[in-house]
């Protein structure tokens, strides 16, 4: 059974940090490129960051220099370290494979506000 479980979200003030995790099961994780997406209220889901199986990374312009994606293949987990958070980062964050081939998880809510 293919499953993605995101965690680590929460409420944080502007300038704060959070570390999100996404645990994958039912896929050969080490061979997959993994992405983080986010969906803000009333907006479409958007790409945030990507990490290939070899560790190559790329980011949306809006998060470059603030967010860092990483992976632990031994734990079948992909991470998103988010620093210098802004109110516009408020969204539900999701992970998925690239290309998208697994059901979306429930996501994890990130709220940035003073």
C-alpha atoms as a PDB file:
ATOM      1  CA  UNK A   1       0.000   0.000   0.000  1.00  0.00           C
ATOM      2  CA  UNK A   2       1.488   3.314  -1.113  1.00  0.00           C
ATOM      3  CA  UNK A   3       1.298   5.991   1.562  1.00  0.00           C
ATOM      4  CA  UNK A   4       2.793   9.414   2.241  1.00  0.00           C
ATOM      5  CA  UNK A   5       2.522  10.854   5.756  1.00  0.00           C
ATOM      6  CA  UNK A   6       3.523  14.460   6.360  1.00  0.00           C
ATOM      7  CA  UNK A   7       4.236  15.883   9.812  1.00  0.00           C
ATOM      8  CA  UNK A   8       5.996  18.703  11.614  1.00  0.00           C
ATOM      9  CA  UNK A   9       3.746  21.637  10.820  1.00  0.00           C
ATOM     10  CA  UNK A  10       2.543  24.150  13.342  1.00  0.00           C
ATOM     11  CA  UNK A  11       2.133  27.784  14.251  1.00  0.00           C
ATOM     12  CA  UNK A  12       5.182  30.040  14.167  1.00  0.00           C
ATOM     13  CA  UNK A  13       5.901  33.760  14.205  1.00  0.00           C
ATOM     14  CA  UNK A  14       7.495  35.482  11.211  1.00  0.00           C
ATOM     15  CA  UNK A  15      11.212  34.755  11.122  1.00  0.00           C
ATOM     16  CA  UNK A  16      10.769  31.420  12.824  1.00  0.00           C
ATOM     17  CA  UNK A  17      11.653  27.922  11.658  1.00  0.00           C
ATOM     18  CA  UNK A  18       9.978  24.561  11.209  1.00  0.00           C
ATOM     19  CA  UNK A  19      11.148  21.190   9.959  1.00  0.00           C
ATOM     20  CA  UNK A  20       8.660  19.116   8.025  1.00  0.00           C
ATOM     21  CA  UNK A  21       8.930  15.371   7.481  1.00  0.00           C
ATOM     22  CA  UNK A  22       7.315  13.087   4.937  1.00  0.00           C
ATOM     23  CA  UNK A  23       7.480   9.354   5.536  1.00  0.00           C
ATOM     24  CA  UNK A  24       6.876   7.169   2.482  1.00  0.00           C
ATOM     25  CA  UNK A  25       5.847   3.545   2.346  1.00  0.00           C
ATOM     26  CA  UNK A  26       4.967   1.179  -0.448  1.00  0.00           C
ATOM     27  CA  UNK A  27       7.479   2.649  -2.897  1.00  0.00           C
ATOM     28  CA  UNK A  28      11.172   2.108  -3.593  1.00  0.00           C
ATOM     29  CA  UNK A  29      11.974   5.423  -1.953  1.00  0.00           C
ATOM     30  CA  UNK A  30      15.685   5.522  -2.712  1.00  0.00           C
ATOM     31  CA  UNK A  31      15.038   5.433  -6.461  1.00  0.00           C
ATOM     32  CA  UNK A  32      12.453   8.219  -6.509  1.00  0.00           C
ATOM     33  CA  UNK A  33      12.686  11.961  -6.938  1.00  0.00           C
ATOM     34  CA  UNK A  34      10.655  13.598  -4.176  1.00  0.00           C
ATOM     35  CA  UNK A  35       8.899  16.960  -4.186  1.00  0.00           C
ATOM     36  CA  UNK A  36       7.338  19.226  -1.610  1.00  0.00           C
ATOM     37  CA  UNK A  37       4.243  21.211  -2.570  1.00  0.00           C
ATOM     38  CA  UNK A  38       2.038  23.633  -0.691  1.00  0.00           C
ATOM     39  CA  UNK A  39      -1.498  24.900  -0.985  1.00  0.00           C
ATOM     40  CA  UNK A  40      -2.562  28.173   0.578  1.00  0.00           C
ATOM     41  CA  UNK A  41      -6.228  28.931   1.264  1.00  0.00           C
ATOM     42  CA  UNK A  42      -8.048  29.754  -1.962  1.00  0.00           C
ATOM     43  CA  UNK A  43      -5.005  29.017  -4.125  1.00  0.00           C
ATOM     44  CA  UNK A  44      -3.800  26.165  -6.280  1.00  0.00           C
ATOM     45  CA  UNK A  45      -1.225  23.715  -5.039  1.00  0.00           C
ATOM     46  CA  UNK A  46       2.269  24.912  -5.961  1.00  0.00           C
ATOM     47  CA  UNK A  47       5.718  23.401  -6.208  1.00  0.00           C
ATOM     48  CA  UNK A  48       8.134  24.206  -3.380  1.00  0.00           C
ATOM     49  CA  UNK A  49      11.217  22.002  -3.642  1.00  0.00           C
ATOM     50  CA  UNK A  50      12.639  18.870  -5.261  1.00  0.00           C
ATOM     51  CA  UNK A  51      15.367  16.374  -4.457  1.00  0.00           C
ATOM     52  CA  UNK A  52      16.455  13.687  -6.881  1.00  0.00           C
ATOM     53  CA  UNK A  53      17.615  10.203  -5.918  1.00  0.00           C
ATOM     54  CA  UNK A  54      21.201  11.437  -6.314  1.00  0.00           C
ATOM     55  CA  UNK A  55      20.667  14.463  -4.100  1.00  0.00           C
ATOM     56  CA  UNK A  56      20.312  17.186  -6.703  1.00  0.00           C
ATOM     57  CA  UNK A  57      17.969  19.873  -5.400  1.00  0.00           C
ATOM     58  CA  UNK A  58      15.993  22.776  -6.768  1.00  0.00           C
ATOM     59  CA  UNK A  59      13.551  25.245  -5.279  1.00  0.00           C
ATOM     60  CA  UNK A  60      10.758  27.616  -6.141  1.00  0.00           C
ATOM     61  CA  UNK A  61      12.076  31.171  -6.354  1.00  0.00           C
ATOM     62  CA  UNK A  62       9.862  32.172  -3.429  1.00  0.00           C
ATOM     63  CA  UNK A  63      11.702  29.881  -0.996  1.00  0.00           C
ATOM     64  CA  UNK A  64      15.285  29.897  -2.308  1.00  0.00           C
ATOM     65  CA  UNK A  65      17.788  30.675   0.414  1.00  0.00           C
ATOM     66  CA  UNK A  66      15.233  30.005   3.170  1.00  0.00           C
ATOM     67  CA  UNK A  67      14.133  26.383   2.690  1.00  0.00           C
ATOM     68  CA  UNK A  68      16.306  23.261   2.448  1.00  0.00           C
ATOM     69  CA  UNK A  69      15.100  19.882   1.207  1.00  0.00           C
ATOM     70  CA  UNK A  70      16.916  16.708   2.243  1.00  0.00           C
ATOM     71  CA  UNK A  71      16.301  12.987   2.389  1.00  0.00           C
ATOM     72  CA  UNK A  72      17.184   9.955   4.472  1.00  0.00           C
ATOM     73  CA  UNK A  73      16.817   6.856   2.324  1.00  0.00           C
ATOM     74  CA  UNK A  74      17.359   4.575   5.311  1.00  0.00           C
ATOM     75  CA  UNK A  75      14.225   6.046   6.872  1.00  0.00           C
ATOM     76  CA  UNK A  76      12.250   6.487   3.639  1.00  0.00           C
ATOM     77  CA  UNK A  77      11.781  10.097   4.649  1.00  0.00           C
ATOM     78  CA  UNK A  78      12.139  13.460   2.948  1.00  0.00           C
ATOM     79  CA  UNK A  79      12.514  16.653   4.989  1.00  0.00           C
ATOM     80  CA  UNK A  80      11.898  20.336   4.459  1.00  0.00           C
ATOM     81  CA  UNK A  81      13.786  22.705   6.751  1.00  0.00           C
ATOM     82  CA  UNK A  82      12.039  26.058   6.639  1.00  0.00           C
ATOM     83  CA  UNK A  83      13.817  29.122   8.018  1.00  0.00           C
ATOM     84  CA  UNK A  84      12.991  32.824   8.004  1.00  0.00           C
ATOM     85  CA  UNK A  85       9.328  31.981   7.606  1.00  0.00           C
ATOM     86  CA  UNK A  86       6.973  34.633   6.257  1.00  0.00           C
ATOM     87  CA  UNK A  87       3.186  34.973   6.509  1.00  0.00           C
ATOM     88  CA  UNK A  88       2.969  34.107   2.814  1.00  0.00           C
ATOM     89  CA  UNK A  89       4.418  30.676   3.622  1.00  0.00           C
ATOM     90  CA  UNK A  90       1.169  29.819   5.405  1.00  0.00           C
ATOM     91  CA  UNK A  91      -0.265  26.742   3.667  1.00  0.00           C
ATOM     92  CA  UNK A  92      -0.832  23.029   3.901  1.00  0.00           C
ATOM     93  CA  UNK A  93       2.388  21.295   2.852  1.00  0.00           C
ATOM     94  CA  UNK A  94       2.426  18.007   0.955  1.00  0.00           C
ATOM     95  CA  UNK A  95       5.063  15.708  -0.461  1.00  0.00           C
ATOM     96  CA  UNK A  96       4.870  13.452  -3.479  1.00  0.00           C
ATOM     97  CA  UNK A  97       7.012  11.643  -5.966  1.00  0.00           C
ATOM     98  CA  UNK A  98       8.076  13.174  -9.278  1.00  0.00           C
ATOM     99  CA  UNK A  99       6.381  12.461 -11.546  1.00  0.00           C
ATOM    100  CA  UNK A 100       3.343  12.366  -9.288  1.00  0.00           C
ATOM    101  CA  UNK A 101       2.390   8.724  -8.976  1.00  0.00           C
ATOM    102  CA  UNK A 102       1.190   8.226  -5.424  1.00  0.00           C
ATOM    103  CA  UNK A 103      -1.970   9.306  -3.621  1.00  0.00           C
ATOM    104  CA  UNK A 104      -1.651  12.637  -1.832  1.00  0.00           C
ATOM    105  CA  UNK A 105      -1.299  12.450   1.926  1.00  0.00           C
ATOM    106  CA  UNK A 106      -3.227  14.558   4.405  1.00  0.00           C
ATOM    107  CA  UNK A 107      -0.572  17.256   4.425  1.00  0.00           C
ATOM    108  CA  UNK A 108       0.699  19.231   7.391  1.00  0.00           C
ATOM    109  CA  UNK A 109      -0.511  22.731   8.212  1.00  0.00           C
ATOM    110  CA  UNK A 110       1.966  25.591   8.548  1.00  0.00           C
ATOM    111  CA  UNK A 111       0.701  28.905   9.888  1.00  0.00           C
ATOM    112  CA  UNK A 112       2.980  31.948  10.067  1.00  0.00           C
ATOM    113  CA  UNK A 113       1.586  34.943  11.875  1.00  0.00           C
ATOM    114  CA  UNK A 114       2.440  37.499  14.504  1.00  0.00           C
END
